[in-house]
Amino acid sequence: MPLESEDGAKALQLITSRYNQREWRKKIEKTLSLPPAGFNDETQRKIFLYLKIGLQAYKSRRADPPSWVVGGFGTKEVIDRALFKPTVIDSEFTKEHVALLGQDPGEEVDLVWWEDMLVNWFEEPEEDGEDETDDEPSEDSESASDHDQSSEPSDSAKTEKTPS
């Protein structure tokens, strides 16, 4: 399931506060390469998209995969622009929406938290009642697979029919 608002805020704070720390740059780039659907909160999703697009380095669309400019003046400029004028992200944004940018998320945000965040980003919630039916194959699917196997000739039968 997508990140809850607390974890989403920490992820955005991580991206915007630790970009100059060399040990976090690759992790931030990996986070920026993820789809925005990982955020549950629409405001955080818009901020993430702004950062993702603003920090994307220009490369050939045909030859190179996307990469990001993380660290240095370019990153600081993108973050400062959002803090100074939040409407660059969305016309309805105010300073309160972007107040979390640039603030360190705290010591609890470490490598273990980051790895758990990645798992949560892609984790889908399980539906109730489907667990029982997924474990046991139904008779219809078994009979259909038996039918498919019997209708196709085996490889040895195919080689016998080819003229020499």
Protein backbone atom coordinates (compact mmCIF):
# COMPACT_ATOMS: atom_id res chain seq x y z
CA MET A 1 0.00 0.00 0.00
CA PRO A 2 1.27 3.49 -0.68
CA LEU A 3 3.11 5.43 1.99
CA GLU A 4 1.01 6.94 4.73
CA SER A 5 1.31 10.70 5.15
CA GLU A 6 3.88 10.43 7.98
CA ASP A 7 6.23 8.19 5.98
CA GLY A 8 5.59 10.24 2.84
CA ALA A 9 6.61 13.41 4.68
CA LYS A 10 9.79 11.70 5.91
CA ALA A 11 10.62 10.55 2.37
CA LEU A 12 10.23 14.11 1.04
CA GLN A 13 12.30 15.47 3.92
CA LEU A 14 14.98 12.88 3.19
CA ILE A 15 15.13 13.90 -0.48
CA THR A 16 15.29 17.63 0.30
CA SER A 17 17.60 17.63 3.31
CA ARG A 18 20.21 14.91 2.77
CA TYR A 19 21.04 15.48 -0.90
CA ASN A 20 24.53 16.76 -0.06
CA GLN A 21 25.40 13.67 1.98
CA ARG A 22 27.26 11.34 -0.36
CA GLU A 23 25.96 8.15 1.27
CA TRP A 24 22.34 9.19 0.57
CA ARG A 25 22.67 10.35 -3.06
CA LYS A 26 22.14 6.95 -4.72
CA LYS A 27 19.22 6.22 -2.40
CA ILE A 28 17.63 9.58 -3.25
CA GLU A 29 18.12 8.90 -6.97
CA LYS A 30 16.50 5.49 -6.52
CA THR A 31 13.57 7.11 -4.70
CA LEU A 32 13.15 9.67 -7.49
CA SER A 33 13.00 6.86 -10.04
CA LEU A 34 9.95 5.33 -8.33
CA PRO A 35 6.40 5.99 -9.57
CA PRO A 36 4.48 8.77 -7.78
CA ALA A 37 1.65 6.35 -6.93
CA GLY A 38 3.71 5.38 -3.87
CA PHE A 39 2.37 8.42 -2.04
CA ASN A 40 -1.08 8.13 -0.47
CA ASP A 41 -1.43 11.89 0.06
CA GLU A 42 -2.19 13.93 -3.08
CA THR A 43 -0.24 16.96 -1.79
CA GLN A 44 2.86 14.85 -1.22
CA ARG A 45 2.44 13.23 -4.63
CA LYS A 46 2.44 16.67 -6.29
CA ILE A 47 5.54 17.74 -4.36
CA PHE A 48 7.28 14.49 -5.33
CA LEU A 49 6.43 14.99 -9.01
CA TYR A 50 7.76 18.56 -8.84
CA LEU A 51 11.03 17.32 -7.35
CA LYS A 52 11.23 14.43 -9.79
CA ILE A 53 10.80 16.67 -12.83
CA GLY A 54 12.83 19.57 -11.41
CA LEU A 55 15.81 17.39 -10.57
CA GLN A 56 15.77 15.37 -13.77
CA ALA A 57 18.91 15.81 -15.82
CA TYR A 58 18.58 16.38 -19.53
CA LYS A 59 19.50 13.31 -21.51
CA SER A 60 18.59 11.95 -24.87
CA ARG A 61 15.14 10.37 -24.72
CA ARG A 62 16.17 7.60 -27.07
CA ALA A 63 19.57 6.62 -25.76
CA ASP A 64 19.81 7.27 -22.05
CA PRO A 65 17.61 6.26 -19.14
CA PRO A 66 16.43 9.11 -16.92
CA SER A 67 18.81 10.30 -14.24
CA TRP A 68 18.68 12.98 -11.59
CA VAL A 69 20.83 15.90 -10.53
CA VAL A 70 21.15 15.25 -6.82
CA GLY A 71 23.48 17.42 -4.79
CA GLY A 72 24.93 20.82 -5.27
CA PHE A 73 23.48 24.13 -6.36
CA GLY A 74 20.90 22.73 -8.82
CA THR A 75 19.17 20.68 -6.16
CA LYS A 76 19.20 23.55 -3.67
CA GLU A 77 17.72 25.86 -6.29
CA VAL A 78 14.78 23.52 -7.03
CA ILE A 79 14.01 23.16 -3.31
CA ASP A 80 14.41 26.88 -2.56
CA ARG A 81 12.14 27.77 -5.48
CA ALA A 82 9.38 25.60 -3.99
CA LEU A 83 9.90 27.09 -0.53
CA PHE A 84 9.87 30.67 -1.83
CA LYS A 85 6.97 30.28 -4.27
CA PRO A 86 4.88 27.15 -3.56
CA THR A 87 2.61 27.91 -6.51
CA VAL A 88 5.31 26.53 -8.85
CA ILE A 89 4.17 23.10 -7.64
CA ASP A 90 0.43 23.74 -7.71
CA SER A 91 -1.60 26.93 -7.97
CA GLU A 92 -3.38 26.16 -4.68
CA PHE A 93 -0.25 25.46 -2.62
CA THR A 94 0.71 27.68 0.29
CA LYS A 95 3.83 27.93 2.44
CA GLU A 96 2.28 25.41 4.87
CA HIS A 97 2.22 22.73 2.15
CA VAL A 98 5.98 23.00 1.56
CA ALA A 99 7.13 23.80 5.11
CA LEU A 100 8.54 20.29 5.56
CA LEU A 101 10.97 20.60 2.65
CA GLY A 102 14.61 20.92 3.64
CA GLN A 103 14.09 19.74 7.23
CA ASP A 104 15.96 16.62 8.29
CA PRO A 105 13.51 13.81 9.12
CA GLY A 106 15.48 12.71 12.20
CA GLU A 107 17.71 9.87 13.27
CA GLU A 108 14.99 7.22 12.86
CA VAL A 109 15.31 7.65 9.09
CA ASP A 110 18.23 5.36 8.36
CA LEU A 111 19.05 2.60 5.88
CA VAL A 112 16.59 0.16 7.52
CA TRP A 113 13.77 2.73 7.39
CA TRP A 114 14.58 3.47 3.74
CA GLU A 115 14.43 -0.21 2.79
CA ASP A 116 11.10 -0.62 4.64
CA MET A 117 9.82 2.47 2.86
CA LEU A 118 10.66 0.89 -0.51
CA VAL A 119 8.72 -2.25 0.43
CA ASN A 120 5.72 -0.18 1.54
CA TRP A 121 5.86 1.87 -1.66
CA PHE A 122 4.97 -1.16 -3.77
CA GLU A 123 3.06 -3.31 -1.30
CA GLU A 124 -0.54 -3.98 -2.30
CA PRO A 125 -3.14 -4.55 0.43
CA GLU A 126 -4.63 -8.05 0.45
CA GLU A 127 -8.33 -8.41 -0.22
CA ASP A 128 -10.43 -10.24 2.39
CA GLY A 129 -11.64 -13.68 1.39
CA GLU A 130 -9.32 -14.14 -1.58
CA ASP A 131 -6.57 -15.85 0.42
CA GLU A 132 -8.49 -19.11 0.62
CA THR A 133 -9.25 -19.31 -3.10
CA ASP A 134 -5.75 -18.34 -4.24
CA ASP A 135 -4.06 -21.26 -2.47
CA GLU A 136 -6.21 -24.00 -3.98
CA PRO A 137 -6.47 -24.27 -7.78
CA SER A 138 -10.03 -24.65 -8.97
CA GLU A 139 -11.21 -27.65 -10.92
CA ASP A 140 -12.02 -25.48 -13.93
CA SER A 141 -8.42 -24.27 -14.25
CA GLU A 142 -7.06 -27.81 -13.87
CA SER A 143 -9.36 -29.21 -16.53
CA ALA A 144 -8.57 -26.31 -18.86
CA SER A 145 -4.83 -26.86 -18.51
CA ASP A 146 -5.32 -30.62 -19.12
CA HIS A 147 -7.33 -29.82 -22.24
CA ASP A 148 -4.66 -27.42 -23.52
CA GLN A 149 -1.93 -30.00 -23.06
CA SER A 150 -3.87 -32.78 -24.79
CA SER A 151 -4.79 -30.64 -27.81
CA GLU A 152 -1.17 -29.80 -28.67
CA PRO A 153 0.96 -32.57 -30.15
CA SER A 154 4.21 -33.26 -28.36
CA ASP A 155 7.56 -32.26 -29.84
CA SER A 156 8.33 -35.84 -30.83
CA ALA A 157 5.01 -36.11 -32.70
CA LYS A 158 5.80 -32.89 -34.57
CA THR A 159 9.19 -34.16 -35.71
CA GLU A 160 7.69 -37.43 -36.92
CA LYS A 161 5.24 -35.63 -39.19
CA THR A 162 7.81 -33.46 -40.97
CA PRO A 163 8.80 -34.82 -44.36
CA SER A 164 12.44 -35.74 -44.91
